[in-house]
Amino acid sequence: MSEFEDLAAVSRLLAFGFQPGLTPRRSAEYAALVARCRTDPGFAQLLHAAARGFDLTVIAVDARAGVVLGATAETHFAVSVADHIAKPDDRPIAALAHLAIAALAFYRPEHLDDETHTGRVTVHHVDKMVEDATKVLERRAAESQEDDGVPVGRPDLIQLWRYYKRRSSVSATGDDRAHPNSRLAIIKRVAEYLSNNGMLRRAGKENGGTYTTTARYQIQVRELAAMQMLGELAALGVTVGSDGRPAFADRGGSGTEAPTAAASTEAIEAVDPEPAVG
């Protein structure tokens, strides 16, 4: 191919990558471009260069997920919790929902590298997971005799789990609908946002809504696996029963420091495992 044809092909591949709900399996042209990128180093290099022109990074070019793009600090394509949760008071709940969905879907480290693994989460189970975590963390805080569990030397930290506990899970309205500011309603909005952006798939209505993970989401979470807040939640020892209900094999007795999280704008945006473009 000529240089101009290669540029056109790379641009086309990027255009596919800007459609998070599209996968190579659904487009023969997309699949062919992905296959070329995975076997032609020069073409792959051109793709990375083109992405940098948009202040984006190429996280992966995957046969299942296609082109997975990530944000840089300069890009205008980045998204955060603030982009889909309008009220600031709801954003800490949404941040915890993002963390819990990721930790519950891939509760074993090997899940992140297993291409055959499909995570399954429900809105009610995500809420239960965070609520159970608050109990573990509250007990640890009491045992450590630290004020609100905030470590010495970190007075700027506000426990997200305290904030979560103060918010009702349902807060029914006068006509028996869940209040839009309830925990379950916010978790549902987060799950729907991830579904609309190619990270989750709707799989049923049981337990407030059931969702399964996509290859794109697996790749995104794998990139975030080293993130402190996600690691601290996972360090509690998440287990999932045959019915999908989460539990914690609390390893607090080993001397592990209780997880803490800053409820600052930076911390909330940092836990948002979402696509760079949407």
C-alpha atoms as a PDB file:
ATOM      1  CA  MET A   1       0.000   0.000   0.000  1.00  0.00           C
ATOM      2  CA  SER A   2       1.047   3.596  -0.533  1.00  0.00           C
ATOM      3  CA  GLU A   3       1.763   5.954   2.337  1.00  0.00           C
ATOM      4  CA  PHE A   4      -1.545   7.726   1.775  1.00  0.00           C
ATOM      5  CA  GLU A   5      -3.437   4.440   1.779  1.00  0.00           C
ATOM      6  CA  ASP A   6      -1.743   3.475   5.057  1.00  0.00           C
ATOM      7  CA  LEU A   7      -2.736   6.816   6.596  1.00  0.00           C
ATOM      8  CA  ALA A   8      -6.308   6.299   5.458  1.00  0.00           C
ATOM      9  CA  ALA A   9      -6.336   2.780   6.903  1.00  0.00           C
ATOM     10  CA  VAL A  10      -4.940   3.974  10.259  1.00  0.00           C
ATOM     11  CA  SER A  11      -7.518   6.759  10.386  1.00  0.00           C
ATOM     12  CA  ARG A  12     -10.220   4.216   9.676  1.00  0.00           C
ATOM     13  CA  LEU A  13      -8.933   1.985  12.469  1.00  0.00           C
ATOM     14  CA  LEU A  14      -8.936   4.912  14.904  1.00  0.00           C
ATOM     15  CA  ALA A  15     -12.484   5.730  13.837  1.00  0.00           C
ATOM     16  CA  PHE A  16     -13.493   2.188  14.770  1.00  0.00           C
ATOM     17  CA  GLY A  17     -11.727   2.628  18.105  1.00  0.00           C
ATOM     18  CA  PHE A  18     -13.860   5.688  18.821  1.00  0.00           C
ATOM     19  CA  GLN A  19     -16.920   3.407  18.771  1.00  0.00           C
ATOM     20  CA  PRO A  20     -16.580   1.485  22.045  1.00  0.00           C
ATOM     21  CA  GLY A  21     -19.639  -0.651  21.371  1.00  0.00           C
ATOM     22  CA  LEU A  22     -18.189  -1.988  18.123  1.00  0.00           C
ATOM     23  CA  THR A  23     -16.006  -5.095  18.054  1.00  0.00           C
ATOM     24  CA  PRO A  24     -14.034  -6.745  15.232  1.00  0.00           C
ATOM     25  CA  ARG A  25     -16.467  -9.647  15.299  1.00  0.00           C
ATOM     26  CA  ARG A  26     -19.203  -7.313  14.098  1.00  0.00           C
ATOM     27  CA  SER A  27     -17.193  -5.762  11.252  1.00  0.00           C
ATOM     28  CA  ALA A  28     -15.065  -7.623   8.714  1.00  0.00           C
ATOM     29  CA  GLU A  29     -13.218  -4.415   7.848  1.00  0.00           C
ATOM     30  CA  TYR A  30     -12.444  -3.713  11.494  1.00  0.00           C
ATOM     31  CA  ALA A  31     -11.240  -7.288  11.999  1.00  0.00           C
ATOM     32  CA  ALA A  32      -8.933  -7.056   8.970  1.00  0.00           C
ATOM     33  CA  LEU A  33      -7.386  -3.789  10.175  1.00  0.00           C
ATOM     34  CA  VAL A  34      -6.883  -5.178  13.677  1.00  0.00           C
ATOM     35  CA  ALA A  35      -5.234  -8.291  12.244  1.00  0.00           C
ATOM     36  CA  ARG A  36      -2.913  -6.140  10.142  1.00  0.00           C
ATOM     37  CA  CYS A  37      -1.990  -3.987  13.132  1.00  0.00           C
ATOM     38  CA  ARG A  38      -1.130  -7.088  15.153  1.00  0.00           C
ATOM     39  CA  THR A  39       1.147  -8.485  12.418  1.00  0.00           C
ATOM     40  CA  ASP A  40       2.614  -5.369  10.763  1.00  0.00           C
ATOM     41  CA  PRO A  41       4.933  -3.419  13.150  1.00  0.00           C
ATOM     42  CA  GLY A  42       5.123  -0.452  10.809  1.00  0.00           C
ATOM     43  CA  PHE A  43       1.357  -0.144  10.628  1.00  0.00           C
ATOM     44  CA  ALA A  44       1.111  -0.467  14.409  1.00  0.00           C
ATOM     45  CA  GLN A  45       3.703   2.273  14.849  1.00  0.00           C
ATOM     46  CA  LEU A  46       1.698   4.519  12.551  1.00  0.00           C
ATOM     47  CA  LEU A  47      -1.438   3.855  14.627  1.00  0.00           C
ATOM     48  CA  HIS A  48       0.331   4.856  17.859  1.00  0.00           C
ATOM     49  CA  ALA A  49       1.625   8.019  16.215  1.00  0.00           C
ATOM     50  CA  ALA A  50      -1.847   8.950  14.968  1.00  0.00           C
ATOM     51  CA  ALA A  51      -3.320   8.379  18.435  1.00  0.00           C
ATOM     52  CA  ARG A  52      -0.695  10.661  19.967  1.00  0.00           C
ATOM     53  CA  GLY A  53      -1.916  13.354  17.596  1.00  0.00           C
ATOM     54  CA  PHE A  54      -5.241  13.206  19.463  1.00  0.00           C
ATOM     55  CA  ASP A  55      -3.444  13.138  22.845  1.00  0.00           C
ATOM     56  CA  LEU A  56      -4.513   9.521  23.253  1.00  0.00           C
ATOM     57  CA  THR A  57      -2.659   6.312  23.931  1.00  0.00           C
ATOM     58  CA  VAL A  58      -3.294   2.888  22.433  1.00  0.00           C
ATOM     59  CA  ILE A  59      -3.795   0.577  25.402  1.00  0.00           C
ATOM     60  CA  ALA A  60      -4.301  -2.508  23.279  1.00  0.00           C
ATOM     61  CA  VAL A  61      -5.163  -3.764  19.813  1.00  0.00           C
ATOM     62  CA  ASP A  62      -7.074  -6.900  20.647  1.00  0.00           C
ATOM     63  CA  ALA A  63      -8.766  -9.432  18.387  1.00  0.00           C
ATOM     64  CA  ARG A  64     -11.792  -9.477  20.716  1.00  0.00           C
ATOM     65  CA  ALA A  65     -12.048  -5.839  21.817  1.00  0.00           C
ATOM     66  CA  GLY A  66     -10.470  -4.064  18.860  1.00  0.00           C
ATOM     67  CA  VAL A  67      -8.600  -0.814  19.490  1.00  0.00           C
ATOM     68  CA  VAL A  68      -8.750   0.192  23.149  1.00  0.00           C
ATOM     69  CA  LEU A  69      -7.809   3.826  23.608  1.00  0.00           C
ATOM     70  CA  GLY A  70      -6.644   5.550  26.762  1.00  0.00           C
ATOM     71  CA  ALA A  71      -6.486   9.180  27.792  1.00  0.00           C
ATOM     72  CA  THR A  72      -3.531  11.429  28.419  1.00  0.00           C
ATOM     73  CA  ALA A  73      -3.647  14.498  30.641  1.00  0.00           C
ATOM     74  CA  GLU A  74      -3.981  16.761  27.600  1.00  0.00           C
ATOM     75  CA  THR A  75      -6.751  15.058  25.670  1.00  0.00           C
ATOM     76  CA  HIS A  76     -10.237  16.473  25.329  1.00  0.00           C
ATOM     77  CA  PHE A  77     -11.647  12.976  24.872  1.00  0.00           C
ATOM     78  CA  ALA A  78     -11.193  11.844  28.476  1.00  0.00           C
ATOM     79  CA  VAL A  79     -14.234  11.165  30.633  1.00  0.00           C
ATOM     80  CA  SER A  80     -14.677  11.006  34.396  1.00  0.00           C
ATOM     81  CA  VAL A  81     -17.334  10.342  36.989  1.00  0.00           C
ATOM     82  CA  ALA A  82     -18.309  14.000  36.797  1.00  0.00           C
ATOM     83  CA  ASP A  83     -19.332  13.533  33.165  1.00  0.00           C
ATOM     84  CA  HIS A  84     -22.140  11.098  33.952  1.00  0.00           C
ATOM     85  CA  ILE A  85     -22.977  11.850  37.594  1.00  0.00           C
ATOM     86  CA  ALA A  86     -24.218  15.416  37.696  1.00  0.00           C
ATOM     87  CA  LYS A  87     -24.517  15.946  41.461  1.00  0.00           C
ATOM     88  CA  PRO A  88     -21.204  16.229  43.330  1.00  0.00           C
ATOM     89  CA  ASP A  89     -22.743  14.568  46.407  1.00  0.00           C
ATOM     90  CA  ASP A  90     -23.460  11.453  44.333  1.00  0.00           C
ATOM     91  CA  ARG A  91     -19.958  11.120  42.888  1.00  0.00           C
ATOM     92  CA  PRO A  92     -18.311   9.380  45.869  1.00  0.00           C
ATOM     93  CA  ILE A  93     -21.029   6.704  45.658  1.00  0.00           C
ATOM     94  CA  ALA A  94     -20.439   6.379  41.917  1.00  0.00           C
ATOM     95  CA  ALA A  95     -16.685   6.149  42.452  1.00  0.00           C
ATOM     96  CA  LEU A  96     -17.155   3.267  44.864  1.00  0.00           C
ATOM     97  CA  ALA A  97     -19.579   1.643  42.426  1.00  0.00           C
ATOM     98  CA  HIS A  98     -16.924   1.737  39.701  1.00  0.00           C
ATOM     99  CA  LEU A  99     -14.371   0.191  42.048  1.00  0.00           C
ATOM    100  CA  ALA A 100     -16.755  -2.488  43.291  1.00  0.00           C
ATOM    101  CA  ILE A 101     -17.918  -3.485  39.805  1.00  0.00           C
ATOM    102  CA  ALA A 102     -14.306  -3.972  38.710  1.00  0.00           C
ATOM    103  CA  ALA A 103     -13.307  -5.850  41.866  1.00  0.00           C
ATOM    104  CA  LEU A 104     -16.395  -8.064  41.781  1.00  0.00           C
ATOM    105  CA  ALA A 105     -16.136  -8.865  38.081  1.00  0.00           C
ATOM    106  CA  PHE A 106     -12.458  -9.842  38.379  1.00  0.00           C
ATOM    107  CA  TYR A 107     -12.212 -10.895  42.004  1.00  0.00           C
ATOM    108  CA  ARG A 108      -9.287 -13.230  41.310  1.00  0.00           C
ATOM    109  CA  PRO A 109      -6.072 -11.738  39.855  1.00  0.00           C
ATOM    110  CA  GLU A 110      -5.883 -14.456  37.210  1.00  0.00           C
ATOM    111  CA  HIS A 111      -9.247 -13.343  35.809  1.00  0.00           C
ATOM    112  CA  LEU A 112      -7.601 -10.295  34.264  1.00  0.00           C
ATOM    113  CA  ASP A 113      -5.379 -12.441  32.037  1.00  0.00           C
ATOM    114  CA  ASP A 114      -7.908 -15.164  31.265  1.00  0.00           C
ATOM    115  CA  GLU A 115      -9.501 -14.431  27.892  1.00  0.00           C
ATOM    116  CA  THR A 116     -12.196 -17.013  28.603  1.00  0.00           C
ATOM    117  CA  HIS A 117     -13.348 -15.295  31.807  1.00  0.00           C
ATOM    118  CA  THR A 118     -16.555 -13.297  31.706  1.00  0.00           C
ATOM    119  CA  GLY A 119     -17.354 -11.419  34.888  1.00  0.00           C
ATOM    120  CA  ARG A 120     -20.944 -11.196  36.069  1.00  0.00           C
ATOM    121  CA  VAL A 121     -22.241  -8.509  38.425  1.00  0.00           C
ATOM    122  CA  THR A 122     -25.616  -7.310  39.631  1.00  0.00           C
ATOM    123  CA  VAL A 123     -26.641  -3.960  41.065  1.00  0.00           C
ATOM    124  CA  HIS A 124     -27.695  -5.494  44.392  1.00  0.00           C
ATOM    125  CA  HIS A 125     -24.490  -7.515  44.722  1.00  0.00           C
ATOM    126  CA  VAL A 126     -22.349  -4.446  44.074  1.00  0.00           C
ATOM    127  CA  ASP A 127     -24.216  -2.621  46.837  1.00  0.00           C
ATOM    128  CA  LYS A 128     -23.813  -5.581  49.184  1.00  0.00           C
ATOM    129  CA  MET A 129     -20.112  -5.770  48.444  1.00  0.00           C
ATOM    130  CA  VAL A 130     -19.496  -2.139  49.380  1.00  0.00           C
ATOM    131  CA  GLU A 131     -21.802  -2.318  52.398  1.00  0.00           C
ATOM    132  CA  ASP A 132     -19.963  -5.386  53.696  1.00  0.00           C
ATOM    133  CA  ALA A 133     -16.656  -3.627  53.115  1.00  0.00           C
ATOM    134  CA  THR A 134     -17.842  -0.713  55.252  1.00  0.00           C
ATOM    135  CA  LYS A 135     -18.449  -3.107  58.140  1.00  0.00           C
ATOM    136  CA  VAL A 136     -14.961  -4.577  57.830  1.00  0.00           C
ATOM    137  CA  LEU A 137     -13.376  -1.145  57.637  1.00  0.00           C
ATOM    138  CA  GLU A 138     -15.459   0.197  60.530  1.00  0.00           C
ATOM    139  CA  ARG A 139     -14.321  -2.678  62.715  1.00  0.00           C
ATOM    140  CA  ARG A 140     -10.703  -2.080  61.732  1.00  0.00           C
ATOM    141  CA  ALA A 141     -11.044   1.609  62.508  1.00  0.00           C
ATOM    142  CA  ALA A 142     -12.413   0.767  65.972  1.00  0.00           C
ATOM    143  CA  GLU A 143      -9.606  -1.702  66.605  1.00  0.00           C
ATOM    144  CA  SER A 144      -6.954   0.794  65.525  1.00  0.00           C
ATOM    145  CA  GLN A 145      -8.558   3.524  67.667  1.00  0.00           C
ATOM    146  CA  GLU A 146      -7.987   6.019  64.873  1.00  0.00           C
ATOM    147  CA  ASP A 147     -10.526   8.780  64.394  1.00  0.00           C
ATOM    148  CA  ASP A 148     -12.800   7.603  61.565  1.00  0.00           C
ATOM    149  CA  GLY A 149     -10.069   5.235  60.493  1.00  0.00           C
ATOM    150  CA  VAL A 150      -8.013   8.015  58.913  1.00  0.00           C
ATOM    151  CA  PRO A 151      -4.302   7.147  59.198  1.00  0.00           C
ATOM    152  CA  VAL A 152      -2.066   9.464  61.172  1.00  0.00           C
ATOM    153  CA  GLY A 153      -0.457  12.032  58.881  1.00  0.00           C
ATOM    154  CA  ARG A 154      -3.300  11.918  56.315  1.00  0.00           C
ATOM    155  CA  PRO A 155      -5.888  14.363  57.747  1.00  0.00           C
ATOM    156  CA  ASP A 156      -7.054  15.220  54.212  1.00  0.00           C
ATOM    157  CA  LEU A 157      -8.623  11.770  53.755  1.00  0.00           C
ATOM    158  CA  ILE A 158     -12.374  11.351  54.077  1.00  0.00           C
ATOM    159  CA  GLN A 159     -13.571   7.789  54.313  1.00  0.00           C
ATOM    160  CA  LEU A 160     -15.679   6.998  51.285  1.00  0.00           C
ATOM    161  CA  TRP A 161     -17.065   4.037  53.169  1.00  0.00           C
ATOM    162  CA  ARG A 162     -18.447   6.372  55.859  1.00  0.00           C
ATOM    163  CA  TYR A 163     -20.091   8.443  53.154  1.00  0.00           C
ATOM    164  CA  TYR A 164     -21.543   5.313  51.580  1.00  0.00           C
ATOM    165  CA  LYS A 165     -22.976   4.085  54.845  1.00  0.00           C
ATOM    166  CA  ARG A 166     -24.795   7.371  55.425  1.00  0.00           C
ATOM    167  CA  ARG A 167     -26.612   7.065  52.091  1.00  0.00           C
ATOM    168  CA  SER A 168     -29.719   4.874  51.990  1.00  0.00           C
ATOM    169  CA  SER A 169     -29.611   1.910  49.641  1.00  0.00           C
ATOM    170  CA  VAL A 170     -33.164   2.469  48.385  1.00  0.00           C
ATOM    171  CA  SER A 171     -34.808   5.674  49.706  1.00  0.00           C
ATOM    172  CA  ALA A 172     -38.171   4.874  48.178  1.00  0.00           C
ATOM    173  CA  THR A 173     -40.253   7.702  46.786  1.00  0.00           C
ATOM    174  CA  GLY A 174     -43.932   8.267  47.518  1.00  0.00           C
ATOM    175  CA  ASP A 175     -44.958   5.971  44.646  1.00  0.00           C
ATOM    176  CA  ASP A 176     -42.579   3.171  45.746  1.00  0.00           C
ATOM    177  CA  ARG A 177     -39.930   3.864  43.126  1.00  0.00           C
ATOM    178  CA  ALA A 178     -36.262   3.943  44.136  1.00  0.00           C
ATOM    179  CA  HIS A 179     -35.128   7.490  44.771  1.00  0.00           C
ATOM    180  CA  PRO A 180     -32.685   8.648  42.049  1.00  0.00           C
ATOM    181  CA  ASN A 181     -30.152   9.592  44.736  1.00  0.00           C
ATOM    182  CA  SER A 182     -30.240   6.199  46.464  1.00  0.00           C
ATOM    183  CA  ARG A 183     -27.198   3.945  46.329  1.00  0.00           C
ATOM    184  CA  LEU A 184     -28.915   1.373  44.120  1.00  0.00           C
ATOM    185  CA  ALA A 185     -30.046   4.039  41.666  1.00  0.00           C
ATOM    186  CA  ILE A 186     -26.521   5.457  41.391  1.00  0.00           C
ATOM    187  CA  ILE A 187     -24.993   1.990  40.950  1.00  0.00           C
ATOM    188  CA  LYS A 188     -27.540   1.340  38.214  1.00  0.00           C
ATOM    189  CA  ARG A 189     -26.542   4.573  36.453  1.00  0.00           C
ATOM    190  CA  VAL A 190     -22.867   3.597  36.613  1.00  0.00           C
ATOM    191  CA  ALA A 191     -23.593   0.119  35.233  1.00  0.00           C
ATOM    192  CA  GLU A 192     -25.718   1.573  32.435  1.00  0.00           C
ATOM    193  CA  TYR A 193     -22.983   4.065  31.592  1.00  0.00           C
ATOM    194  CA  LEU A 194     -20.426   1.267  31.334  1.00  0.00           C
ATOM    195  CA  SER A 195     -22.854  -0.738  29.227  1.00  0.00           C
ATOM    196  CA  ASN A 196     -23.449   2.162  26.861  1.00  0.00           C
ATOM    197  CA  ASN A 197     -19.681   2.506  26.443  1.00  0.00           C
ATOM    198  CA  GLY A 198     -18.929  -1.099  25.570  1.00  0.00           C
ATOM    199  CA  MET A 199     -17.618  -2.181  28.989  1.00  0.00           C
ATOM    200  CA  LEU A 200     -20.572  -4.241  30.201  1.00  0.00           C
ATOM    201  CA  ARG A 201     -23.450  -6.046  28.527  1.00  0.00           C
ATOM    202  CA  ARG A 202     -26.976  -6.162  29.898  1.00  0.00           C
ATOM    203  CA  ALA A 203     -27.775  -9.753  30.805  1.00  0.00           C
ATOM    204  CA  GLY A 204     -31.022  -9.597  32.790  1.00  0.00           C
ATOM    205  CA  LYS A 205     -33.155  -7.686  35.265  1.00  0.00           C
ATOM    206  CA  GLU A 206     -32.675  -9.832  38.354  1.00  0.00           C
ATOM    207  CA  ASN A 207     -31.120  -8.287  41.478  1.00  0.00           C
ATOM    208  CA  GLY A 208     -31.636  -4.766  40.207  1.00  0.00           C
ATOM    209  CA  GLY A 209     -29.978  -5.493  36.870  1.00  0.00           C
ATOM    210  CA  THR A 210     -27.434  -8.103  35.785  1.00  0.00           C
ATOM    211  CA  TYR A 211     -24.424  -7.339  33.595  1.00  0.00           C
ATOM    212  CA  THR A 212     -21.553  -9.306  32.094  1.00  0.00           C
ATOM    213  CA  THR A 213     -18.120  -7.932  31.244  1.00  0.00           C
ATOM    214  CA  THR A 214     -16.627  -7.398  27.804  1.00  0.00           C
ATOM    215  CA  ALA A 215     -13.070  -7.879  26.585  1.00  0.00           C
ATOM    216  CA  ARG A 216     -12.712  -4.084  26.433  1.00  0.00           C
ATOM    217  CA  TYR A 217     -13.571  -3.766  30.115  1.00  0.00           C
ATOM    218  CA  GLN A 218     -11.168  -6.569  31.051  1.00  0.00           C
ATOM    219  CA  ILE A 219      -8.348  -4.734  29.293  1.00  0.00           C
ATOM    220  CA  GLN A 220      -9.259  -1.416  30.929  1.00  0.00           C
ATOM    221  CA  VAL A 221      -9.390  -2.940  34.415  1.00  0.00           C
ATOM    222  CA  ARG A 222      -6.105  -4.745  33.799  1.00  0.00           C
ATOM    223  CA  GLU A 223      -4.544  -1.344  33.109  1.00  0.00           C
ATOM    224  CA  LEU A 224      -5.940  -0.075  36.422  1.00  0.00           C
ATOM    225  CA  ALA A 225      -5.021  -3.161  38.449  1.00  0.00           C
ATOM    226  CA  ALA A 226      -2.042  -1.442  40.065  1.00  0.00           C
ATOM    227  CA  MET A 227      -4.180   1.516  41.185  1.00  0.00           C
ATOM    228  CA  GLN A 228      -4.003   1.882  44.957  1.00  0.00           C
ATOM    229  CA  MET A 229      -7.713   2.192  45.690  1.00  0.00           C
ATOM    230  CA  LEU A 230      -8.687  -0.796  43.567  1.00  0.00           C
ATOM    231  CA  GLY A 231      -5.877  -2.838  45.087  1.00  0.00           C
ATOM    232  CA  GLU A 232      -6.905  -1.929  48.618  1.00  0.00           C
ATOM    233  CA  LEU A 233     -10.480  -3.011  48.015  1.00  0.00           C
ATOM    234  CA  ALA A 234      -9.328  -6.295  46.506  1.00  0.00           C
ATOM    235  CA  ALA A 235      -6.925  -6.770  49.448  1.00  0.00           C
ATOM    236  CA  LEU A 236      -9.921  -7.332  51.726  1.00  0.00           C
ATOM    237  CA  GLY A 237     -10.231 -10.727  50.078  1.00  0.00           C
ATOM    238  CA  VAL A 238     -13.275 -10.697  47.810  1.00  0.00           C
ATOM    239  CA  THR A 239     -14.960 -14.047  47.295  1.00  0.00           C
ATOM    240  CA  VAL A 240     -18.070 -14.861  45.283  1.00  0.00           C
ATOM    241  CA  GLY A 241     -20.478 -17.673  46.060  1.00  0.00           C
ATOM    242  CA  SER A 242     -22.210 -19.912  43.551  1.00  0.00           C
ATOM    243  CA  ASP A 243     -25.209 -17.565  43.690  1.00  0.00           C
ATOM    244  CA  GLY A 244     -23.041 -14.586  42.797  1.00  0.00           C
ATOM    245  CA  ARG A 245     -23.208 -13.039  46.247  1.00  0.00           C
ATOM    246  CA  PRO A 246     -19.945 -11.379  47.309  1.00  0.00           C
ATOM    247  CA  ALA A 247     -18.224 -11.775  50.659  1.00  0.00           C
ATOM    248  CA  PHE A 248     -14.918 -10.839  52.236  1.00  0.00           C
ATOM    249  CA  ALA A 249     -12.307 -13.180  53.612  1.00  0.00           C
ATOM    250  CA  ASP A 250     -11.131 -10.364  55.871  1.00  0.00           C
ATOM    251  CA  ARG A 251      -7.378 -10.456  56.197  1.00  0.00           C
ATOM    252  CA  GLY A 252      -7.296  -7.608  58.696  1.00  0.00           C
ATOM    253  CA  GLY A 253      -5.641  -9.787  61.302  1.00  0.00           C
ATOM    254  CA  SER A 254      -2.470  -9.964  59.216  1.00  0.00           C
ATOM    255  CA  GLY A 255      -1.649  -6.375  59.998  1.00  0.00           C
ATOM    256  CA  THR A 256      -2.687  -5.050  56.610  1.00  0.00           C
ATOM    257  CA  GLU A 257      -3.589  -1.386  56.793  1.00  0.00           C
ATOM    258  CA  ALA A 258      -7.267  -0.673  56.358  1.00  0.00           C
ATOM    259  CA  PRO A 259      -8.086   0.731  52.944  1.00  0.00           C
ATOM    260  CA  THR A 260      -8.643   4.465  52.812  1.00  0.00           C
ATOM    261  CA  ALA A 261      -9.667   6.720  49.987  1.00  0.00           C
ATOM    262  CA  ALA A 262      -9.566  10.440  49.445  1.00  0.00           C
ATOM    263  CA  ALA A 263     -12.899  11.854  48.397  1.00  0.00           C
ATOM    264  CA  SER A 264     -11.176  14.603  46.455  1.00  0.00           C
ATOM    265  CA  THR A 265     -11.969  15.303  42.802  1.00  0.00           C
ATOM    266  CA  GLU A 266      -8.618  13.819  41.805  1.00  0.00           C
ATOM    267  CA  ALA A 267      -9.241  10.566  43.663  1.00  0.00           C
ATOM    268  CA  ILE A 268     -12.763  10.167  42.316  1.00  0.00           C
ATOM    269  CA  GLU A 269     -11.621  10.746  38.731  1.00  0.00           C
ATOM    270  CA  ALA A 270      -8.703   8.347  39.217  1.00  0.00           C
ATOM    271  CA  VAL A 271     -10.951   5.399  39.991  1.00  0.00           C
ATOM    272  CA  ASP A 272     -13.065   5.781  36.894  1.00  0.00           C
ATOM    273  CA  PRO A 273     -12.378   2.676  34.745  1.00  0.00           C
ATOM    274  CA  GLU A 274     -13.997   4.043  31.638  1.00  0.00           C
ATOM    275  CA  PRO A 275     -13.091   4.527  28.008  1.00  0.00           C
ATOM    276  CA  ALA A 276     -11.076   7.565  27.040  1.00  0.00           C
ATOM    277  CA  VAL A 277     -13.600   8.249  24.319  1.00  0.00           C
ATOM    278  CA  GLY A 278     -17.319   7.803  24.277  1.00  0.00           C
END
